[in-house]
Amino acid sequence: MLTRVTGVLVEDDRLLLVEQEGGGARRWHLPGGKVEEGESLADSMTREMREETGLRVEVVRLLYLCDHLVPAEGLHVLHITFEVRRLGGRLGDIAPGADFRPILGVEFVPFHELGERGFGERFVELVAEGFPGAGRYAGPKSALGL
């Protein structure tokens, strides 16, 4: 099983997203990545946010856990998503080579534009409502509109 962390950073009714080359139909994603061996979840989250967005953050709360099964590759991915708060850094100061899929951009996107960036209606509702029911297992990734 592969464990990934992703971060939700909301400021002024806008969600922080990264645009990445490749990786399927959707090019815009929540910042995050693989938890490295011996790394805590919080350390992984703060490292990924710094590498992919240039921002220093702290973990505020657990939003949800979800699964993503890729039978063709024999892969089971556990996604752990946290709400994070900005502490500093400079948006767009991306670490070179930080991700195997190049990062093309980093942007705060208004909630009403998330659908245009490939996010499902359910996910847009969850973001706008502040993730009611936070801290729970949400089932398959698709149930969240991802």
N, C-alpha and C. Protein backbone atom coordinates (compact mmCIF):
# COMPACT_ATOMS: atom_id res chain seq x y z
N MET A 1 0.85 -1.18 0.00
CA MET A 1 0.00 0.00 0.00
C MET A 1 0.89 1.24 0.00
N LEU A 2 0.53 2.18 -0.81
CA LEU A 2 1.21 3.46 -0.90
C LEU A 2 0.41 4.47 -0.09
N THR A 3 1.07 5.26 0.73
CA THR A 3 0.40 6.29 1.52
C THR A 3 0.80 7.66 0.98
N ARG A 4 -0.23 8.47 0.71
CA ARG A 4 -0.04 9.83 0.21
C ARG A 4 -0.73 10.82 1.14
N VAL A 5 -0.15 12.00 1.26
CA VAL A 5 -0.79 13.10 1.98
C VAL A 5 -1.10 14.21 0.99
N THR A 6 -2.21 14.89 1.21
CA THR A 6 -2.55 16.07 0.43
C THR A 6 -3.02 17.15 1.39
N GLY A 7 -2.83 18.39 0.97
CA GLY A 7 -3.17 19.51 1.83
C GLY A 7 -4.23 20.42 1.24
N VAL A 8 -5.13 20.86 2.09
CA VAL A 8 -6.17 21.82 1.72
C VAL A 8 -5.83 23.13 2.42
N LEU A 9 -5.49 24.12 1.61
CA LEU A 9 -5.20 25.46 2.13
C LEU A 9 -6.20 26.41 1.48
N VAL A 10 -7.10 26.94 2.32
CA VAL A 10 -8.14 27.86 1.85
C VAL A 10 -7.84 29.24 2.41
N GLU A 11 -7.86 30.22 1.51
CA GLU A 11 -7.72 31.62 1.90
C GLU A 11 -8.67 32.44 1.04
N ASP A 12 -9.48 33.27 1.67
CA ASP A 12 -10.40 34.17 0.96
C ASP A 12 -11.27 33.43 -0.05
N ASP A 13 -11.88 32.31 0.38
CA ASP A 13 -12.75 31.50 -0.48
C ASP A 13 -12.05 31.03 -1.75
N ARG A 14 -10.75 30.76 -1.63
CA ARG A 14 -9.97 30.22 -2.74
C ARG A 14 -9.15 29.05 -2.20
N LEU A 15 -8.98 28.02 -3.02
CA LEU A 15 -8.27 26.81 -2.66
C LEU A 15 -6.94 26.75 -3.40
N LEU A 16 -5.88 26.44 -2.70
CA LEU A 16 -4.55 26.33 -3.31
C LEU A 16 -4.44 25.03 -4.10
N LEU A 17 -4.07 25.16 -5.38
CA LEU A 17 -3.89 24.01 -6.26
C LEU A 17 -2.56 24.11 -6.98
N VAL A 18 -2.07 22.95 -7.41
CA VAL A 18 -0.89 22.90 -8.26
C VAL A 18 -1.30 22.29 -9.60
N GLU A 19 -0.71 22.82 -10.66
CA GLU A 19 -0.93 22.27 -11.99
C GLU A 19 0.28 21.42 -12.33
N GLN A 20 0.02 20.17 -12.72
CA GLN A 20 1.10 19.25 -13.02
C GLN A 20 0.95 18.65 -14.40
N GLU A 21 2.08 18.41 -15.01
CA GLU A 21 2.13 17.78 -16.32
C GLU A 21 1.78 16.30 -16.18
N GLY A 22 0.99 15.79 -17.11
CA GLY A 22 0.66 14.36 -17.11
C GLY A 22 -0.22 13.96 -15.94
N GLY A 23 -0.35 12.65 -15.72
CA GLY A 23 -1.08 12.15 -14.57
C GLY A 23 -2.58 12.04 -14.75
N GLY A 24 -3.06 11.92 -15.99
CA GLY A 24 -4.48 11.73 -16.19
C GLY A 24 -5.17 12.93 -16.78
N ALA A 25 -6.50 12.88 -16.73
CA ALA A 25 -7.32 13.92 -17.36
C ALA A 25 -7.27 15.25 -16.61
N ARG A 26 -7.10 15.19 -15.32
CA ARG A 26 -7.10 16.43 -14.53
C ARG A 26 -5.66 16.89 -14.30
N ARG A 27 -5.38 18.12 -14.66
CA ARG A 27 -4.03 18.68 -14.50
C ARG A 27 -3.86 19.43 -13.18
N TRP A 28 -4.96 19.84 -12.55
CA TRP A 28 -4.90 20.60 -11.30
C TRP A 28 -5.18 19.66 -10.14
N HIS A 29 -4.36 19.77 -9.09
CA HIS A 29 -4.43 18.85 -7.96
C HIS A 29 -4.19 19.59 -6.65
N LEU A 30 -4.60 18.93 -5.56
CA LEU A 30 -4.20 19.41 -4.24
C LEU A 30 -2.71 19.14 -4.09
N PRO A 31 -1.98 20.04 -3.46
CA PRO A 31 -0.56 19.78 -3.22
C PRO A 31 -0.40 18.56 -2.31
N GLY A 32 0.62 17.78 -2.59
CA GLY A 32 0.88 16.62 -1.74
C GLY A 32 1.70 15.58 -2.44
N GLY A 33 1.90 14.47 -1.76
CA GLY A 33 2.69 13.40 -2.35
C GLY A 33 2.89 12.25 -1.40
N LYS A 34 3.83 11.42 -1.76
CA LYS A 34 4.13 10.18 -1.05
C LYS A 34 4.78 10.45 0.31
N VAL A 35 4.35 9.68 1.30
CA VAL A 35 4.99 9.71 2.62
C VAL A 35 6.27 8.89 2.51
N GLU A 36 7.39 9.50 2.85
CA GLU A 36 8.69 8.83 2.76
C GLU A 36 8.91 7.93 3.98
N GLU A 37 9.74 6.93 3.80
CA GLU A 37 10.10 6.00 4.88
C GLU A 37 10.63 6.77 6.09
N GLY A 38 10.09 6.49 7.28
CA GLY A 38 10.55 7.11 8.51
C GLY A 38 10.05 8.53 8.73
N GLU A 39 9.15 9.01 7.89
CA GLU A 39 8.65 10.38 7.97
C GLU A 39 7.25 10.37 8.61
N SER A 40 7.00 11.29 9.52
CA SER A 40 5.66 11.39 10.09
C SER A 40 4.72 11.99 9.05
N LEU A 41 3.42 11.81 9.25
CA LEU A 41 2.44 12.37 8.33
C LEU A 41 2.54 13.90 8.28
N ALA A 42 2.68 14.53 9.43
CA ALA A 42 2.77 15.99 9.49
C ALA A 42 4.04 16.47 8.79
N ASP A 43 5.15 15.80 9.03
CA ASP A 43 6.40 16.20 8.36
C ASP A 43 6.30 16.02 6.85
N SER A 44 5.67 14.94 6.43
CA SER A 44 5.47 14.71 5.00
C SER A 44 4.62 15.82 4.39
N MET A 45 3.55 16.18 5.07
CA MET A 45 2.65 17.22 4.56
C MET A 45 3.37 18.55 4.44
N THR A 46 4.10 18.94 5.46
CA THR A 46 4.79 20.24 5.41
C THR A 46 5.90 20.22 4.35
N ARG A 47 6.60 19.11 4.20
CA ARG A 47 7.64 19.00 3.17
C ARG A 47 7.03 19.12 1.78
N GLU A 48 5.97 18.36 1.52
CA GLU A 48 5.34 18.38 0.19
C GLU A 48 4.83 19.79 -0.15
N MET A 49 4.20 20.46 0.80
CA MET A 49 3.69 21.81 0.54
C MET A 49 4.84 22.77 0.22
N ARG A 50 5.93 22.67 0.96
CA ARG A 50 7.08 23.54 0.73
C ARG A 50 7.69 23.27 -0.65
N GLU A 51 7.86 21.98 -0.99
CA GLU A 51 8.46 21.62 -2.27
C GLU A 51 7.60 22.03 -3.46
N GLU A 52 6.29 21.81 -3.36
CA GLU A 52 5.40 22.01 -4.50
C GLU A 52 4.83 23.41 -4.63
N THR A 53 4.79 24.16 -3.53
CA THR A 53 4.16 25.49 -3.58
C THR A 53 5.05 26.63 -3.12
N GLY A 54 6.11 26.31 -2.38
CA GLY A 54 6.98 27.34 -1.81
C GLY A 54 6.51 27.85 -0.46
N LEU A 55 5.38 27.34 0.04
CA LEU A 55 4.82 27.83 1.31
C LEU A 55 5.20 26.93 2.48
N ARG A 56 5.44 27.57 3.61
CA ARG A 56 5.60 26.85 4.87
C ARG A 56 4.22 26.79 5.52
N VAL A 57 3.84 25.60 5.96
CA VAL A 57 2.51 25.42 6.55
C VAL A 57 2.61 24.59 7.82
N GLU A 58 1.51 24.60 8.56
CA GLU A 58 1.35 23.69 9.68
C GLU A 58 0.04 22.95 9.49
N VAL A 59 0.01 21.71 9.96
CA VAL A 59 -1.19 20.89 9.88
C VAL A 59 -2.17 21.37 10.94
N VAL A 60 -3.42 21.60 10.54
CA VAL A 60 -4.46 22.07 11.44
C VAL A 60 -5.35 20.93 11.90
N ARG A 61 -5.85 20.14 10.94
CA ARG A 61 -6.72 19.03 11.30
C ARG A 61 -6.80 18.02 10.15
N LEU A 62 -7.19 16.81 10.51
CA LEU A 62 -7.44 15.77 9.54
C LEU A 62 -8.79 16.04 8.89
N LEU A 63 -8.83 16.03 7.56
CA LEU A 63 -10.10 16.22 6.86
C LEU A 63 -10.73 14.89 6.50
N TYR A 64 -9.97 14.01 5.84
CA TYR A 64 -10.53 12.71 5.48
C TYR A 64 -9.44 11.74 5.06
N LEU A 65 -9.80 10.47 5.10
CA LEU A 65 -9.00 9.37 4.56
C LEU A 65 -9.82 8.78 3.43
N CYS A 66 -9.18 8.42 2.34
CA CYS A 66 -9.89 7.73 1.26
C CYS A 66 -8.93 6.78 0.55
N ASP A 67 -9.51 5.85 -0.19
CA ASP A 67 -8.76 4.85 -0.93
C ASP A 67 -8.83 5.11 -2.42
N HIS A 68 -7.81 4.64 -3.10
CA HIS A 68 -7.83 4.64 -4.55
C HIS A 68 -7.18 3.33 -5.00
N LEU A 69 -7.95 2.48 -5.64
CA LEU A 69 -7.44 1.20 -6.11
C LEU A 69 -7.15 1.29 -7.60
N VAL A 70 -5.97 0.80 -7.99
CA VAL A 70 -5.59 0.75 -9.39
C VAL A 70 -5.25 -0.71 -9.69
N PRO A 71 -6.30 -1.54 -9.94
CA PRO A 71 -6.08 -2.97 -10.12
C PRO A 71 -5.10 -3.32 -11.24
N ALA A 72 -5.12 -2.56 -12.33
CA ALA A 72 -4.24 -2.85 -13.46
C ALA A 72 -2.76 -2.76 -13.05
N GLU A 73 -2.47 -1.93 -12.06
CA GLU A 73 -1.10 -1.78 -11.59
C GLU A 73 -0.87 -2.49 -10.26
N GLY A 74 -1.92 -3.16 -9.74
CA GLY A 74 -1.80 -3.82 -8.45
C GLY A 74 -1.51 -2.84 -7.33
N LEU A 75 -2.07 -1.65 -7.43
CA LEU A 75 -1.75 -0.57 -6.50
C LEU A 75 -2.96 -0.20 -5.64
N HIS A 76 -2.71 -0.03 -4.36
CA HIS A 76 -3.71 0.45 -3.40
C HIS A 76 -3.11 1.69 -2.76
N VAL A 77 -3.76 2.82 -2.95
CA VAL A 77 -3.26 4.09 -2.43
C VAL A 77 -4.19 4.58 -1.33
N LEU A 78 -3.62 4.89 -0.17
CA LEU A 78 -4.35 5.50 0.93
C LEU A 78 -4.04 6.99 0.89
N HIS A 79 -5.08 7.81 0.71
CA HIS A 79 -4.93 9.27 0.68
C HIS A 79 -5.35 9.82 2.04
N ILE A 80 -4.48 10.61 2.63
CA ILE A 80 -4.76 11.26 3.91
C ILE A 80 -4.70 12.76 3.65
N THR A 81 -5.83 13.43 3.84
CA THR A 81 -5.90 14.85 3.50
C THR A 81 -6.08 15.69 4.76
N PHE A 82 -5.23 16.71 4.85
CA PHE A 82 -5.21 17.60 6.01
C PHE A 82 -5.58 19.02 5.61
N GLU A 83 -6.21 19.72 6.53
CA GLU A 83 -6.32 21.17 6.40
C GLU A 83 -5.01 21.73 6.92
N VAL A 84 -4.45 22.70 6.20
CA VAL A 84 -3.20 23.32 6.62
C VAL A 84 -3.39 24.83 6.69
N ARG A 85 -2.48 25.47 7.43
CA ARG A 85 -2.49 26.93 7.58
C ARG A 85 -1.13 27.46 7.15
N ARG A 86 -1.14 28.55 6.40
CA ARG A 86 0.10 29.15 5.93
C ARG A 86 0.85 29.82 7.09
N LEU A 87 2.16 29.55 7.15
CA LEU A 87 3.02 30.19 8.14
C LEU A 87 3.96 31.20 7.49
N GLY A 88 4.28 30.98 6.23
CA GLY A 88 5.23 31.85 5.53
C GLY A 88 5.61 31.26 4.20
N GLY A 89 6.75 31.69 3.70
CA GLY A 89 7.22 31.22 2.41
C GLY A 89 6.72 32.13 1.30
N ARG A 90 7.09 31.76 0.09
CA ARG A 90 6.71 32.55 -1.08
C ARG A 90 6.01 31.66 -2.10
N LEU A 91 4.76 31.96 -2.41
CA LEU A 91 3.98 31.18 -3.35
C LEU A 91 4.70 31.10 -4.69
N GLY A 92 4.85 29.88 -5.18
CA GLY A 92 5.49 29.65 -6.47
C GLY A 92 6.97 29.39 -6.40
N ASP A 93 7.56 29.46 -5.22
CA ASP A 93 8.98 29.19 -5.04
C ASP A 93 9.15 27.66 -4.95
N ILE A 94 9.02 27.01 -6.09
CA ILE A 94 8.95 25.56 -6.17
C ILE A 94 10.35 24.95 -6.18
N ALA A 95 10.54 23.89 -5.42
CA ALA A 95 11.82 23.18 -5.39
C ALA A 95 12.04 22.48 -6.73
N PRO A 96 13.16 22.74 -7.41
CA PRO A 96 13.42 22.09 -8.69
C PRO A 96 13.49 20.57 -8.54
N GLY A 97 12.79 19.86 -9.44
CA GLY A 97 12.82 18.40 -9.41
C GLY A 97 12.14 17.77 -8.22
N ALA A 98 11.29 18.53 -7.54
CA ALA A 98 10.64 18.03 -6.32
C ALA A 98 9.62 16.95 -6.62
N ASP A 99 9.13 16.89 -7.84
CA ASP A 99 8.08 15.93 -8.17
C ASP A 99 8.43 15.24 -9.47
N PHE A 100 8.04 13.98 -9.60
CA PHE A 100 8.32 13.25 -10.83
C PHE A 100 7.48 13.77 -11.99
N ARG A 101 6.36 14.42 -11.70
CA ARG A 101 5.57 15.09 -12.72
C ARG A 101 5.80 16.59 -12.55
N PRO A 102 6.40 17.24 -13.53
CA PRO A 102 6.73 18.66 -13.38
C PRO A 102 5.54 19.52 -12.99
N ILE A 103 5.79 20.45 -12.09
CA ILE A 103 4.77 21.40 -11.66
C ILE A 103 4.82 22.60 -12.59
N LEU A 104 3.67 22.89 -13.21
CA LEU A 104 3.58 23.98 -14.18
C LEU A 104 3.10 25.28 -13.57
N GLY A 105 2.38 25.17 -12.45
CA GLY A 105 1.86 26.37 -11.82
C GLY A 105 1.30 26.10 -10.44
N VAL A 106 1.20 27.17 -9.66
CA VAL A 106 0.63 27.12 -8.31
C VAL A 106 -0.31 28.31 -8.22
N GLU A 107 -1.54 28.07 -7.78
CA GLU A 107 -2.53 29.14 -7.82
C GLU A 107 -3.62 28.93 -6.77
N PHE A 108 -4.09 30.03 -6.18
CA PHE A 108 -5.29 29.99 -5.36
C PHE A 108 -6.48 30.15 -6.32
N VAL A 109 -7.37 29.17 -6.33
CA VAL A 109 -8.48 29.13 -7.28
C VAL A 109 -9.79 29.36 -6.52
N PRO A 110 -10.61 30.31 -6.99
CA PRO A 110 -11.91 30.54 -6.36
C PRO A 110 -12.75 29.26 -6.40
N PHE A 111 -13.52 29.03 -5.34
CA PHE A 111 -14.33 27.82 -5.24
C PHE A 111 -15.18 27.59 -6.50
N HIS A 112 -15.78 28.65 -7.02
CA HIS A 112 -16.68 28.50 -8.17
C HIS A 112 -15.96 28.08 -9.46
N GLU A 113 -14.62 28.11 -9.47
CA GLU A 113 -13.85 27.69 -10.65
C GLU A 113 -13.28 26.28 -10.50
N LEU A 114 -13.51 25.62 -9.38
CA LEU A 114 -12.93 24.29 -9.16
C LEU A 114 -13.45 23.27 -10.16
N GLY A 115 -14.72 23.35 -10.51
CA GLY A 115 -15.28 22.44 -11.51
C GLY A 115 -14.58 22.56 -12.85
N GLU A 116 -14.21 23.78 -13.22
CA GLU A 116 -13.49 24.02 -14.47
C GLU A 116 -12.08 23.43 -14.43
N ARG A 117 -11.58 23.19 -13.24
CA ARG A 117 -10.23 22.62 -13.07
C ARG A 117 -10.28 21.11 -12.90
N GLY A 118 -11.48 20.52 -13.08
CA GLY A 118 -11.60 19.07 -13.07
C GLY A 118 -12.08 18.45 -11.78
N PHE A 119 -12.47 19.26 -10.81
CA PHE A 119 -12.96 18.73 -9.54
C PHE A 119 -14.47 18.51 -9.63
N GLY A 120 -14.93 17.42 -9.02
CA GLY A 120 -16.34 17.08 -9.05
C GLY A 120 -17.18 17.99 -8.17
N GLU A 121 -18.47 17.99 -8.45
CA GLU A 121 -19.42 18.82 -7.71
C GLU A 121 -19.38 18.53 -6.21
N ARG A 122 -19.25 17.26 -5.85
CA ARG A 122 -19.22 16.88 -4.43
C ARG A 122 -18.02 17.52 -3.73
N PHE A 123 -16.86 17.50 -4.38
CA PHE A 123 -15.67 18.09 -3.78
C PHE A 123 -15.85 19.60 -3.61
N VAL A 124 -16.41 20.25 -4.62
CA VAL A 124 -16.64 21.70 -4.54
C VAL A 124 -17.56 22.02 -3.36
N GLU A 125 -18.60 21.21 -3.15
CA GLU A 125 -19.51 21.39 -2.00
C GLU A 125 -18.75 21.24 -0.69
N LEU A 126 -17.94 20.20 -0.59
CA LEU A 126 -17.18 19.96 0.65
C LEU A 126 -16.26 21.13 0.98
N VAL A 127 -15.56 21.64 -0.01
CA VAL A 127 -14.66 22.77 0.20
C VAL A 127 -15.45 23.99 0.66
N ALA A 128 -16.53 24.31 -0.04
CA ALA A 128 -17.34 25.49 0.28
C ALA A 128 -17.97 25.40 1.67
N GLU A 129 -18.30 24.17 2.11
CA GLU A 129 -18.94 23.97 3.41
C GLU A 129 -17.93 23.76 4.54
N GLY A 130 -16.63 23.80 4.23
CA GLY A 130 -15.62 23.64 5.27
C GLY A 130 -15.41 22.20 5.72
N PHE A 131 -15.72 21.25 4.85
CA PHE A 131 -15.53 19.82 5.11
C PHE A 131 -16.29 19.33 6.34
N PRO A 132 -17.64 19.37 6.27
CA PRO A 132 -18.43 18.80 7.38
C PRO A 132 -18.11 17.31 7.51
N GLY A 133 -18.08 16.82 8.70
CA GLY A 133 -17.75 15.41 8.92
C GLY A 133 -16.27 15.14 8.83
N ALA A 134 -15.45 16.17 8.98
CA ALA A 134 -14.00 16.01 8.88
C ALA A 134 -13.50 14.96 9.87
N GLY A 135 -12.38 14.34 9.49
CA GLY A 135 -11.74 13.38 10.37
C GLY A 135 -12.27 11.97 10.23
N ARG A 136 -12.87 11.66 9.08
CA ARG A 136 -13.46 10.34 8.92
C ARG A 136 -12.95 9.65 7.66
N TYR A 137 -13.23 8.37 7.59
CA TYR A 137 -12.95 7.60 6.39
C TYR A 137 -14.05 7.91 5.39
N ALA A 138 -13.68 8.31 4.19
CA ALA A 138 -14.66 8.74 3.18
C ALA A 138 -14.91 7.71 2.11
N GLY A 139 -14.26 6.55 2.19
CA GLY A 139 -14.45 5.53 1.16
C GLY A 139 -13.55 5.77 -0.03
N PRO A 140 -14.01 5.39 -1.21
CA PRO A 140 -13.18 5.57 -2.40
C PRO A 140 -13.01 7.05 -2.73
N LYS A 141 -11.88 7.36 -3.32
CA LYS A 141 -11.57 8.73 -3.71
C LYS A 141 -12.69 9.34 -4.55
N SER A 142 -13.32 8.55 -5.38
CA SER A 142 -14.39 9.03 -6.26
C SER A 142 -15.60 9.55 -5.48
N ALA A 143 -15.82 9.04 -4.26
CA ALA A 143 -16.95 9.48 -3.45
C ALA A 143 -16.81 10.94 -3.01
N LEU A 144 -15.59 11.47 -3.09
CA LEU A 144 -15.33 12.85 -2.71
C LEU A 144 -15.35 13.81 -3.90
N GLY A 145 -15.60 13.27 -5.08
CA GLY A 145 -15.57 14.12 -6.27
C GLY A 145 -14.17 14.36 -6.78
N LEU A 146 -13.29 13.40 -6.49
CA LEU A 146 -11.90 13.50 -6.95
C LEU A 146 -11.60 12.46 -8.01
